[in-house]
PDB file of all heavy atoms in Angstrom:
ATOM      1  N   GLY A   1       1.596  11.535 -14.548  1.00  0.00           N
ATOM      2  CA  GLY A   1       1.990  12.521 -13.593  1.00  0.00           C
ATOM      3  C   GLY A   1       1.874  12.063 -12.125  1.00  0.00           C
ATOM      4  O   GLY A   1       1.685  12.872 -11.212  1.00  0.00           O
ATOM      5  N   LEU A   2       2.022  10.753 -11.865  1.00  0.00           N
ATOM      6  CA  LEU A   2       1.838  10.263 -10.580  1.00  0.00           C
ATOM      7  C   LEU A   2       3.163  10.305  -9.889  1.00  0.00           C
ATOM      8  O   LEU A   2       4.241  10.194 -10.510  1.00  0.00           O
ATOM      9  CB  LEU A   2       1.379   8.805 -10.712  1.00  0.00           C
ATOM     10  CG  LEU A   2      -0.030   8.593 -11.240  1.00  0.00           C
ATOM     11  CD1 LEU A   2      -0.340   7.087 -11.431  1.00  0.00           C
ATOM     12  CD2 LEU A   2      -1.047   9.226 -10.472  1.00  0.00           C
ATOM     13  N   SER A   3       3.123  10.421  -8.538  1.00  0.00           N
ATOM     14  CA  SER A   3       4.249  10.415  -7.735  1.00  0.00           C
ATOM     15  C   SER A   3       4.090   9.596  -6.485  1.00  0.00           C
ATOM     16  O   SER A   3       2.858   9.387  -6.030  1.00  0.00           O
ATOM     17  CB  SER A   3       4.742  11.805  -7.382  1.00  0.00           C
ATOM     18  OG  SER A   3       3.742  12.503  -6.592  1.00  0.00           O
ATOM     19  N   ILE A   4       5.060   9.262  -5.765  1.00  0.00           N
ATOM     20  CA  ILE A   4       4.986   8.537  -4.518  1.00  0.00           C
ATOM     21  C   ILE A   4       5.466   9.422  -3.349  1.00  0.00           C
ATOM     22  O   ILE A   4       6.475  10.068  -3.472  1.00  0.00           O
ATOM     23  CB  ILE A   4       5.847   7.202  -4.575  1.00  0.00           C
ATOM     24  CG1 ILE A   4       5.254   6.297  -5.664  1.00  0.00           C
ATOM     25  CG2 ILE A   4       5.842   6.487  -3.197  1.00  0.00           C
ATOM     26  CD1 ILE A   4       6.018   5.110  -5.910  1.00  0.00           C
ATOM     27  N   THR A   5       4.768   9.415  -2.330  1.00  0.00           N
ATOM     28  CA  THR A   5       5.144  10.269  -1.148  1.00  0.00           C
ATOM     29  C   THR A   5       5.349   9.272   0.078  1.00  0.00           C
ATOM     30  O   THR A   5       4.836   8.219   0.141  1.00  0.00           O
ATOM     31  CB  THR A   5       3.990  11.224  -0.741  1.00  0.00           C
ATOM     32  OG1 THR A   5       4.423  11.973   0.368  1.00  0.00           O
ATOM     33  CG2 THR A   5       2.657  10.556  -0.464  1.00  0.00           C
ATOM     34  N   ARG A   6       6.178   9.803   0.986  1.00  0.00           N
ATOM     35  CA  ARG A   6       6.555   9.022   2.137  1.00  0.00           C
ATOM     36  C   ARG A   6       5.652   9.631   3.332  1.00  0.00           C
ATOM     37  O   ARG A   6       5.746   9.085   4.409  1.00  0.00           O
ATOM     38  CB  ARG A   6       7.976   9.042   2.511  1.00  0.00           C
ATOM     39  CG  ARG A   6       8.883   8.347   1.554  1.00  0.00           C
ATOM     40  CD  ARG A   6       8.883   6.889   1.765  1.00  0.00           C
ATOM     41  NE  ARG A   6       9.573   6.134   0.783  1.00  0.00           N
ATOM     42  CZ  ARG A   6      10.836   5.662   0.999  1.00  0.00           C
ATOM     43  NH1 ARG A   6      11.498   5.953   2.051  1.00  0.00           N
ATOM     44  NH2 ARG A   6      11.410   4.907   0.092  1.00  0.00           N
ATOM     45  N   GLU A   7       4.922  10.636   3.034  1.00  0.00           N
ATOM     46  CA  GLU A   7       4.021  11.213   3.978  1.00  0.00           C
ATOM     47  C   GLU A   7       2.507  10.859   3.704  1.00  0.00           C
ATOM     48  O   GLU A   7       1.948  11.315   2.753  1.00  0.00           O
ATOM     49  CB  GLU A   7       4.109  12.802   3.996  1.00  0.00           C
ATOM     50  CG  GLU A   7       5.434  13.321   4.422  1.00  0.00           C
ATOM     51  CD  GLU A   7       5.712  13.011   5.921  1.00  0.00           C
ATOM     52  OE1 GLU A   7       4.790  13.028   6.687  1.00  0.00           O
ATOM     53  OE2 GLU A   7       6.899  12.840   6.277  1.00  0.00           O
ATOM     54  N   GLU A   8       1.975  10.008   4.609  1.00  0.00           N
ATOM     55  CA  GLU A   8       0.678   9.540   4.349  1.00  0.00           C
ATOM     56  C   GLU A   8      -0.352  10.612   4.227  1.00  0.00           C
ATOM     57  O   GLU A   8      -1.294  10.549   3.439  1.00  0.00           O
ATOM     58  CB  GLU A   8       0.283   8.581   5.485  1.00  0.00           C
ATOM     59  CG  GLU A   8      -0.990   7.857   5.308  1.00  0.00           C
ATOM     60  CD  GLU A   8      -1.309   6.750   6.266  1.00  0.00           C
ATOM     61  OE1 GLU A   8      -0.346   6.230   6.868  1.00  0.00           O
ATOM     62  OE2 GLU A   8      -2.481   6.474   6.447  1.00  0.00           O
ATOM     63  N   ALA A   9      -0.199  11.720   5.010  1.00  0.00           N
ATOM     64  CA  ALA A   9      -1.184  12.807   4.992  1.00  0.00           C
ATOM     65  C   ALA A   9      -1.207  13.583   3.639  1.00  0.00           C
ATOM     66  O   ALA A   9      -2.194  14.231   3.325  1.00  0.00           O
ATOM     67  CB  ALA A   9      -0.816  13.818   6.067  1.00  0.00           C
ATOM     68  N   GLU A  10      -0.180  13.412   2.853  1.00  0.00           N
ATOM     69  CA  GLU A  10      -0.180  14.110   1.554  1.00  0.00           C
ATOM     70  C   GLU A  10      -0.706  13.253   0.387  1.00  0.00           C
ATOM     71  O   GLU A  10      -0.867  13.739  -0.770  1.00  0.00           O
ATOM     72  CB  GLU A  10       1.375  14.418   1.180  1.00  0.00           C
ATOM     73  CG  GLU A  10       1.983  15.370   2.082  1.00  0.00           C
ATOM     74  CD  GLU A  10       3.502  15.559   1.748  1.00  0.00           C
ATOM     75  OE1 GLU A  10       3.993  14.993   0.815  1.00  0.00           O
ATOM     76  OE2 GLU A  10       4.155  16.344   2.471  1.00  0.00           O
ATOM     77  N   ALA A  11      -1.066  11.987   0.674  1.00  0.00           N
ATOM     78  CA  ALA A  11      -1.425  11.058  -0.396  1.00  0.00           C
ATOM     79  C   ALA A  11      -2.856  11.261  -0.837  1.00  0.00           C
ATOM     80  O   ALA A  11      -3.807  11.467  -0.054  1.00  0.00           O
ATOM     81  CB  ALA A  11      -1.234   9.737   0.047  1.00  0.00           C
ATOM     82  N   ASP A  12      -3.098  11.123  -2.175  1.00  0.00           N
ATOM     83  CA  ASP A  12      -4.382  11.058  -2.714  1.00  0.00           C
ATOM     84  C   ASP A  12      -4.911   9.640  -2.721  1.00  0.00           C
ATOM     85  O   ASP A  12      -6.093   9.403  -2.742  1.00  0.00           O
ATOM     86  CB  ASP A  12      -4.382  11.525  -4.199  1.00  0.00           C
ATOM     87  CG  ASP A  12      -3.977  12.992  -4.284  1.00  0.00           C
ATOM     88  OD1 ASP A  12      -4.381  13.753  -3.424  1.00  0.00           O
ATOM     89  OD2 ASP A  12      -3.167  13.292  -5.302  1.00  0.00           O
ATOM     90  N   LEU A  13      -4.003   8.683  -2.681  1.00  0.00           N
ATOM     91  CA  LEU A  13      -4.325   7.201  -2.659  1.00  0.00           C
ATOM     92  C   LEU A  13      -3.367   6.594  -1.729  1.00  0.00           C
ATOM     93  O   LEU A  13      -2.173   6.954  -1.599  1.00  0.00           O
ATOM     94  CB  LEU A  13      -4.177   6.531  -4.056  1.00  0.00           C
ATOM     95  CG  LEU A  13      -5.147   6.935  -5.127  1.00  0.00           C
ATOM     96  CD1 LEU A  13      -4.852   6.211  -6.461  1.00  0.00           C
ATOM     97  CD2 LEU A  13      -6.650   6.608  -4.675  1.00  0.00           C
ATOM     98  N   ILE A  14      -3.823   5.553  -1.046  1.00  0.00           N
ATOM     99  CA  ILE A  14      -2.949   4.630  -0.277  1.00  0.00           C
ATOM    100  C   ILE A  14      -3.069   3.227  -0.752  1.00  0.00           C
ATOM    101  O   ILE A  14      -4.180   2.719  -0.928  1.00  0.00           O
ATOM    102  CB  ILE A  14      -3.362   4.710   1.285  1.00  0.00           C
ATOM    103  CG1 ILE A  14      -3.138   6.142   1.830  1.00  0.00           C
ATOM    104  CG2 ILE A  14      -2.551   3.680   2.039  1.00  0.00           C
ATOM    105  CD1 ILE A  14      -3.701   6.281   3.240  1.00  0.00           C
ATOM    106  N   ILE A  15      -1.897   2.614  -1.082  1.00  0.00           N
ATOM    107  CA  ILE A  15      -1.929   1.256  -1.483  1.00  0.00           C
ATOM    108  C   ILE A  15      -1.552   0.469  -0.249  1.00  0.00           C
ATOM    109  O   ILE A  15      -0.357   0.619   0.238  1.00  0.00           O
ATOM    110  CB  ILE A  15      -0.970   0.944  -2.611  1.00  0.00           C
ATOM    111  CG1 ILE A  15      -1.437   1.729  -3.854  1.00  0.00           C
ATOM    112  CG2 ILE A  15      -0.967  -0.593  -2.966  1.00  0.00           C
ATOM    113  CD1 ILE A  15      -0.437   1.548  -5.079  1.00  0.00           C
ATOM    114  N   GLU A  16      -2.438  -0.362   0.285  1.00  0.00           N
ATOM    115  CA  GLU A  16      -2.196  -1.090   1.565  1.00  0.00           C
ATOM    116  C   GLU A  16      -1.981  -2.556   1.185  1.00  0.00           C
ATOM    117  O   GLU A  16      -2.873  -3.132   0.483  1.00  0.00           O
ATOM    118  CB  GLU A  16      -3.319  -0.924   2.503  1.00  0.00           C
ATOM    119  CG  GLU A  16      -3.115  -1.505   3.816  1.00  0.00           C
ATOM    120  CD  GLU A  16      -4.269  -1.176   4.790  1.00  0.00           C
ATOM    121  OE1 GLU A  16      -5.356  -1.805   4.635  1.00  0.00           O
ATOM    122  OE2 GLU A  16      -4.093  -0.262   5.592  1.00  0.00           O
ATOM    123  N   VAL A  17      -0.882  -3.162   1.567  1.00  0.00           N
ATOM    124  CA  VAL A  17      -0.593  -4.515   1.243  1.00  0.00           C
ATOM    125  C   VAL A  17      -0.536  -5.350   2.560  1.00  0.00           C
ATOM    126  O   VAL A  17       0.029  -4.964   3.557  1.00  0.00           O
ATOM    127  CB  VAL A  17       0.812  -4.628   0.519  1.00  0.00           C
ATOM    128  CG1 VAL A  17       1.057  -6.068   0.226  1.00  0.00           C
ATOM    129  CG2 VAL A  17       0.775  -3.708  -0.719  1.00  0.00           C
ATOM    130  N   ASP A  18      -1.102  -6.615   2.498  1.00  0.00           N
ATOM    131  CA  ASP A  18      -1.117  -7.522   3.628  1.00  0.00           C
ATOM    132  C   ASP A  18      -0.907  -8.885   3.056  1.00  0.00           C
ATOM    133  O   ASP A  18      -1.264  -9.191   1.899  1.00  0.00           O
ATOM    134  CB  ASP A  18      -2.377  -7.410   4.427  1.00  0.00           C
ATOM    135  CG  ASP A  18      -2.171  -7.846   5.899  1.00  0.00           C
ATOM    136  OD1 ASP A  18      -1.122  -8.365   6.201  1.00  0.00           O
ATOM    137  OD2 ASP A  18      -3.162  -7.763   6.606  1.00  0.00           O
ATOM    138  N   ARG A  19      -0.461  -9.859   3.908  1.00  0.00           N
ATOM    139  CA  ARG A  19      -0.233 -11.181   3.536  1.00  0.00           C
ATOM    140  C   ARG A  19      -1.248 -12.013   4.387  1.00  0.00           C
ATOM    141  O   ARG A  19      -1.346 -11.861   5.565  1.00  0.00           O
ATOM    142  CB  ARG A  19       1.174 -11.629   3.804  1.00  0.00           C
ATOM    143  CG  ARG A  19       1.426 -13.057   3.397  1.00  0.00           C
ATOM    144  CD  ARG A  19       2.900 -13.422   3.583  1.00  0.00           C
ATOM    145  NE  ARG A  19       3.093 -14.813   3.488  1.00  0.00           N
ATOM    146  CZ  ARG A  19       3.458 -15.609   4.496  1.00  0.00           C
ATOM    147  NH1 ARG A  19       3.678 -15.138   5.662  1.00  0.00           N
ATOM    148  NH2 ARG A  19       3.624 -16.958   4.296  1.00  0.00           N
ATOM    149  N   LYS A  20      -1.954 -12.925   3.671  1.00  0.00           N
ATOM    150  CA  LYS A  20      -2.771 -13.869   4.339  1.00  0.00           C
ATOM    151  C   LYS A  20      -1.961 -14.819   5.115  1.00  0.00           C
ATOM    152  O   LYS A  20      -1.005 -15.363   4.634  1.00  0.00           O
ATOM    153  CB  LYS A  20      -3.726 -14.574   3.422  1.00  0.00           C
ATOM    154  CG  LYS A  20      -4.678 -13.566   2.691  1.00  0.00           C
ATOM    155  CD  LYS A  20      -5.519 -14.222   1.751  1.00  0.00           C
ATOM    156  CE  LYS A  20      -6.859 -14.512   2.601  1.00  0.00           C
ATOM    157  NZ  LYS A  20      -7.930 -15.164   1.814  1.00  0.00           N
ATOM    158  N   LEU A  21      -2.351 -14.983   6.349  1.00  0.00           N
ATOM    159  CA  LEU A  21      -1.604 -15.865   7.291  1.00  0.00           C
ATOM    160  C   LEU A  21      -1.411 -17.327   6.774  1.00  0.00           C
ATOM    161  O   LEU A  21      -2.347 -17.915   6.270  1.00  0.00           O
ATOM    162  CB  LEU A  21      -2.294 -15.856   8.680  1.00  0.00           C
ATOM    163  CG  LEU A  21      -1.437 -16.341   9.809  1.00  0.00           C
ATOM    164  CD1 LEU A  21      -0.247 -15.504  10.088  1.00  0.00           C
ATOM    165  CD2 LEU A  21      -2.321 -16.267  11.115  1.00  0.00           C
ATOM    166  N   PHE A  22      -0.159 -17.806   6.878  1.00  0.00           N
ATOM    167  CA  PHE A  22       0.173 -19.175   6.404  1.00  0.00           C
ATOM    168  C   PHE A  22      -0.118 -19.423   4.948  1.00  0.00           C
ATOM    169  O   PHE A  22      -0.380 -20.563   4.557  1.00  0.00           O
ATOM    170  CB  PHE A  22      -0.581 -20.231   7.324  1.00  0.00           C
ATOM    171  CG  PHE A  22      -0.261 -20.070   8.782  1.00  0.00           C
ATOM    172  CD1 PHE A  22      -1.400 -19.762   9.584  1.00  0.00           C
ATOM    173  CD2 PHE A  22       0.937 -20.183   9.332  1.00  0.00           C
ATOM    174  CE1 PHE A  22      -1.219 -19.577  10.956  1.00  0.00           C
ATOM    175  CE2 PHE A  22       1.187 -19.943  10.636  1.00  0.00           C
ATOM    176  CZ  PHE A  22       0.140 -19.677  11.517  1.00  0.00           C
ATOM    177  N   THR A  23      -0.026 -18.438   4.095  1.00  0.00           N
ATOM    178  CA  THR A  23      -0.196 -18.654   2.672  1.00  0.00           C
ATOM    179  C   THR A  23       0.830 -17.872   1.886  1.00  0.00           C
ATOM    180  O   THR A  23       1.553 -17.068   2.483  1.00  0.00           O
ATOM    181  CB  THR A  23      -1.632 -18.193   2.156  1.00  0.00           C
ATOM    182  OG1 THR A  23      -1.647 -16.756   2.227  1.00  0.00           O
ATOM    183  CG2 THR A  23      -2.694 -18.804   3.062  1.00  0.00           C
ATOM    184  N   SER A  24       0.818 -18.032   0.631  1.00  0.00           N
ATOM    185  CA  SER A  24       1.668 -17.216  -0.202  1.00  0.00           C
ATOM    186  C   SER A  24       0.900 -16.118  -0.954  1.00  0.00           C
ATOM    187  O   SER A  24       1.300 -15.493  -1.870  1.00  0.00           O
ATOM    188  CB  SER A  24       2.384 -18.062  -1.200  1.00  0.00           C
ATOM    189  OG  SER A  24       1.463 -18.772  -2.042  1.00  0.00           O
ATOM    190  N   SER A  25      -0.373 -15.846  -0.454  1.00  0.00           N
ATOM    191  CA  SER A  25      -1.258 -14.868  -1.034  1.00  0.00           C
ATOM    192  C   SER A  25      -1.135 -13.530  -0.281  1.00  0.00           C
ATOM    193  O   SER A  25      -1.112 -13.486   0.954  1.00  0.00           O
ATOM    194  CB  SER A  25      -2.703 -15.311  -0.882  1.00  0.00           C
ATOM    195  OG  SER A  25      -2.981 -16.449  -1.728  1.00  0.00           O
ATOM    196  N   PHE A  26      -1.074 -12.464  -1.149  1.00  0.00           N
ATOM    197  CA  PHE A  26      -0.977 -11.123  -0.696  1.00  0.00           C
ATOM    198  C   PHE A  26      -2.210 -10.381  -1.156  1.00  0.00           C
ATOM    199  O   PHE A  26      -2.660 -10.546  -2.308  1.00  0.00           O
ATOM    200  CB  PHE A  26       0.210 -10.402  -1.164  1.00  0.00           C
ATOM    201  CG  PHE A  26       1.524 -10.904  -0.550  1.00  0.00           C
ATOM    202  CD1 PHE A  26       2.032 -12.078  -0.888  1.00  0.00           C
ATOM    203  CD2 PHE A  26       2.158 -10.167   0.508  1.00  0.00           C
ATOM    204  CE1 PHE A  26       3.269 -12.545  -0.308  1.00  0.00           C
ATOM    205  CE2 PHE A  26       3.268 -10.472   1.032  1.00  0.00           C
ATOM    206  CZ  PHE A  26       3.817 -11.765   0.625  1.00  0.00           C
ATOM    207  N   VAL A  27      -2.882  -9.621  -0.368  1.00  0.00           N
ATOM    208  CA  VAL A  27      -3.982  -8.820  -0.654  1.00  0.00           C
ATOM    209  C   VAL A  27      -3.643  -7.418  -0.608  1.00  0.00           C
ATOM    210  O   VAL A  27      -2.841  -7.008   0.161  1.00  0.00           O
ATOM    211  CB  VAL A  27      -5.272  -9.172   0.243  1.00  0.00           C
ATOM    212  CG1 VAL A  27      -5.815 -10.436   0.005  1.00  0.00           C
ATOM    213  CG2 VAL A  27      -4.937  -8.896   1.659  1.00  0.00           C
TER     214      VAL A  27
END
């Protein structure tokens, strides 16, 4: 029953993605 929202204020969870500088690693 999960869904994705485009409104951050409505979210129960936030998945935050970033890339480590000068690498192919994403955290």
